[in-house]
């Protein structure tokens, strides 16, 4: 999944019009494309490999049956 590359020098202040254009662009993308981009950004933010994401710690959660 090397189709995206985060250019850390490309960030700048946006006007409301520019931000609105970004919103319109992502609204037109398929839900799969939006999830792919979001997953990529999460991998950059949390520093994990896209091909080997971290596993969820299932010991932190518990489930119990409600008595009726």
N, C-alpha and C. Protein backbone atom coordinates (compact mmCIF):
# COMPACT_ATOMS: atom_id res chain seq x y z
N UNK A 1 0.84 -1.18 0.00
CA UNK A 1 0.00 0.00 0.00
C UNK A 1 0.88 1.24 0.00
N UNK A 2 1.68 1.40 -0.99
CA UNK A 2 2.56 2.56 -1.10
C UNK A 2 1.99 3.60 -2.04
N UNK A 3 0.70 3.60 -2.24
CA UNK A 3 0.10 4.56 -3.16
C UNK A 3 -0.01 5.94 -2.54
N UNK A 4 0.11 6.04 -1.20
CA UNK A 4 0.06 7.33 -0.53
C UNK A 4 1.43 7.67 0.02
N UNK A 5 1.74 8.93 0.05
CA UNK A 5 2.98 9.37 0.66
C UNK A 5 2.68 10.67 1.39
N UNK A 6 3.02 10.70 2.67
CA UNK A 6 2.76 11.88 3.48
C UNK A 6 3.90 12.87 3.29
N UNK A 7 3.61 14.00 2.69
CA UNK A 7 4.59 15.06 2.49
C UNK A 7 4.46 16.04 3.65
N UNK A 8 5.35 15.92 4.62
CA UNK A 8 5.25 16.72 5.83
C UNK A 8 5.56 18.20 5.58
N UNK A 9 6.12 18.55 4.43
CA UNK A 9 6.39 19.95 4.12
C UNK A 9 5.22 20.63 3.43
N UNK A 10 4.19 19.86 3.10
CA UNK A 10 3.09 20.40 2.30
C UNK A 10 1.99 21.04 3.14
N UNK A 11 2.09 21.00 4.44
CA UNK A 11 1.02 21.54 5.27
C UNK A 11 1.08 23.05 5.31
N UNK A 12 -0.09 23.67 5.27
CA UNK A 12 -0.17 25.12 5.32
C UNK A 12 -1.55 25.50 5.84
N UNK A 13 -1.67 26.73 6.23
CA UNK A 13 -2.97 27.23 6.65
C UNK A 13 -3.90 27.22 5.44
N UNK A 14 -5.15 26.86 5.66
CA UNK A 14 -6.13 26.84 4.58
C UNK A 14 -7.19 27.90 4.82
N UNK A 15 -7.70 28.40 3.73
CA UNK A 15 -8.87 29.27 3.84
C UNK A 15 -10.10 28.37 3.98
N UNK A 16 -11.22 28.95 4.32
CA UNK A 16 -12.44 28.16 4.42
C UNK A 16 -12.80 27.55 3.07
N UNK A 17 -12.52 28.25 2.00
CA UNK A 17 -12.84 27.75 0.66
C UNK A 17 -11.98 26.53 0.32
N UNK A 18 -10.68 26.60 0.66
CA UNK A 18 -9.79 25.47 0.39
C UNK A 18 -10.20 24.25 1.22
N UNK A 19 -10.54 24.48 2.47
CA UNK A 19 -10.98 23.38 3.33
C UNK A 19 -12.27 22.77 2.79
N UNK A 20 -13.15 23.59 2.28
CA UNK A 20 -14.40 23.11 1.71
C UNK A 20 -14.14 22.27 0.46
N UNK A 21 -13.15 22.67 -0.34
CA UNK A 21 -12.81 21.89 -1.53
C UNK A 21 -12.28 20.52 -1.12
N UNK A 22 -11.49 20.45 -0.04
CA UNK A 22 -10.99 19.17 0.45
C UNK A 22 -12.16 18.28 0.88
N UNK A 23 -13.09 18.90 1.60
CA UNK A 23 -14.27 18.16 2.04
C UNK A 23 -15.04 17.60 0.85
N UNK A 24 -15.24 18.41 -0.16
CA UNK A 24 -15.97 17.96 -1.35
C UNK A 24 -15.21 16.83 -2.06
N UNK A 25 -13.88 16.93 -2.11
CA UNK A 25 -13.06 15.89 -2.75
C UNK A 25 -13.27 14.55 -2.05
N UNK A 26 -13.16 14.55 -0.72
CA UNK A 26 -13.27 13.29 0.02
C UNK A 26 -14.70 12.77 0.04
N UNK A 27 -15.68 13.64 -0.08
CA UNK A 27 -17.06 13.19 -0.16
C UNK A 27 -17.32 12.41 -1.45
N UNK A 28 -16.59 12.75 -2.51
CA UNK A 28 -16.77 12.08 -3.80
C UNK A 28 -16.06 10.73 -3.86
N UNK A 29 -15.11 10.49 -2.96
CA UNK A 29 -14.37 9.23 -2.96
C UNK A 29 -15.24 8.11 -2.42
N UNK A 30 -14.93 6.89 -2.83
CA UNK A 30 -15.68 5.74 -2.32
C UNK A 30 -15.34 5.54 -0.85
N UNK A 31 -16.21 4.83 -0.16
CA UNK A 31 -15.98 4.58 1.26
C UNK A 31 -14.71 3.75 1.45
N UNK A 32 -14.42 2.84 0.52
CA UNK A 32 -13.20 2.04 0.60
C UNK A 32 -11.96 2.92 0.51
N UNK A 33 -12.00 3.89 -0.42
CA UNK A 33 -10.87 4.80 -0.59
C UNK A 33 -10.68 5.66 0.66
N UNK A 34 -11.76 6.11 1.26
CA UNK A 34 -11.67 6.92 2.48
C UNK A 34 -11.09 6.10 3.63
N UNK A 35 -11.54 4.83 3.75
CA UNK A 35 -10.99 3.98 4.80
C UNK A 35 -9.52 3.68 4.57
N UNK A 36 -9.15 3.47 3.30
CA UNK A 36 -7.74 3.21 2.98
C UNK A 36 -6.86 4.39 3.37
N UNK A 37 -7.31 5.59 3.07
CA UNK A 37 -6.56 6.80 3.42
C UNK A 37 -6.50 6.99 4.94
N UNK A 38 -7.62 6.74 5.62
CA UNK A 38 -7.65 6.87 7.08
C UNK A 38 -6.73 5.85 7.74
N UNK A 39 -6.74 4.63 7.23
CA UNK A 39 -5.86 3.58 7.79
C UNK A 39 -4.39 3.96 7.58
N UNK A 40 -4.08 4.51 6.42
CA UNK A 40 -2.72 4.95 6.15
C UNK A 40 -2.31 6.06 7.13
N UNK A 41 -3.17 7.04 7.33
CA UNK A 41 -2.85 8.13 8.25
C UNK A 41 -2.70 7.63 9.68
N UNK A 42 -3.51 6.65 10.08
CA UNK A 42 -3.35 6.04 11.41
C UNK A 42 -2.01 5.34 11.52
N UNK A 43 -1.59 4.66 10.46
CA UNK A 43 -0.30 3.96 10.50
C UNK A 43 0.85 4.94 10.65
N UNK A 44 0.73 6.12 10.05
CA UNK A 44 1.76 7.15 10.20
C UNK A 44 1.72 7.72 11.62
N UNK A 45 0.54 8.03 12.11
CA UNK A 45 0.40 8.64 13.43
C UNK A 45 0.86 7.71 14.54
N UNK A 46 0.55 6.42 14.43
CA UNK A 46 0.89 5.47 15.50
C UNK A 46 2.10 4.60 15.16
N UNK A 47 2.75 4.90 14.04
CA UNK A 47 4.00 4.26 13.65
C UNK A 47 3.91 2.74 13.62
N UNK A 48 2.98 2.21 12.81
CA UNK A 48 2.93 0.77 12.62
C UNK A 48 2.95 0.46 11.13
N UNK A 49 3.39 -0.75 10.83
CA UNK A 49 3.50 -1.21 9.45
C UNK A 49 2.11 -1.51 8.90
N UNK A 50 1.82 -1.03 7.69
CA UNK A 50 0.51 -1.26 7.08
C UNK A 50 0.23 -2.74 6.87
N UNK A 51 1.25 -3.52 6.59
CA UNK A 51 1.07 -4.94 6.32
C UNK A 51 1.01 -5.77 7.59
N UNK A 52 1.36 -5.16 8.73
CA UNK A 52 1.32 -5.89 10.00
C UNK A 52 0.83 -4.95 11.09
N UNK A 53 -0.48 -4.63 11.09
CA UNK A 53 -1.02 -3.71 12.10
C UNK A 53 -0.98 -4.34 13.48
N UNK A 54 -1.00 -3.53 14.53
CA UNK A 54 -0.98 -4.09 15.89
C UNK A 54 -2.28 -4.85 16.18
N UNK A 55 -2.15 -5.84 17.04
CA UNK A 55 -3.32 -6.62 17.42
C UNK A 55 -4.02 -5.96 18.58
N UNK A 56 -5.32 -6.12 18.64
CA UNK A 56 -6.10 -5.54 19.72
C UNK A 56 -5.88 -6.34 21.00
N UNK A 57 -5.67 -5.64 22.11
CA UNK A 57 -5.53 -6.29 23.41
C UNK A 57 -6.91 -6.66 23.91
N UNK A 58 -7.28 -7.92 23.74
CA UNK A 58 -8.63 -8.36 24.10
C UNK A 58 -8.78 -8.61 25.59
N UNK A 59 -7.69 -8.54 26.34
CA UNK A 59 -7.79 -8.72 27.79
C UNK A 59 -8.31 -7.46 28.46
N UNK A 60 -8.34 -6.35 27.76
CA UNK A 60 -8.80 -5.09 28.34
C UNK A 60 -10.33 -4.99 28.34
N UNK A 61 -10.99 -5.92 27.69
CA UNK A 61 -12.45 -5.88 27.58
C UNK A 61 -13.04 -7.13 28.19
N UNK A 62 -14.23 -6.98 28.72
CA UNK A 62 -14.95 -8.15 29.23
C UNK A 62 -16.40 -8.03 28.80
N UNK A 63 -17.06 -9.18 28.81
CA UNK A 63 -18.45 -9.21 28.38
C UNK A 63 -19.20 -10.11 29.34
N UNK A 64 -20.38 -9.70 29.73
CA UNK A 64 -21.18 -10.55 30.60
C UNK A 64 -22.62 -10.55 30.11
N UNK A 65 -23.29 -11.63 30.38
CA UNK A 65 -24.67 -11.78 29.96
C UNK A 65 -25.57 -11.07 30.95
N UNK A 66 -26.52 -10.30 30.44
CA UNK A 66 -27.48 -9.62 31.31
C UNK A 66 -28.56 -10.59 31.76
N UNK A 67 -28.88 -10.53 33.03
CA UNK A 67 -29.95 -11.37 33.57
C UNK A 67 -31.30 -10.72 33.28
N UNK A 68 -32.23 -11.49 32.81
CA UNK A 68 -33.57 -10.97 32.51
C UNK A 68 -34.48 -11.08 33.69
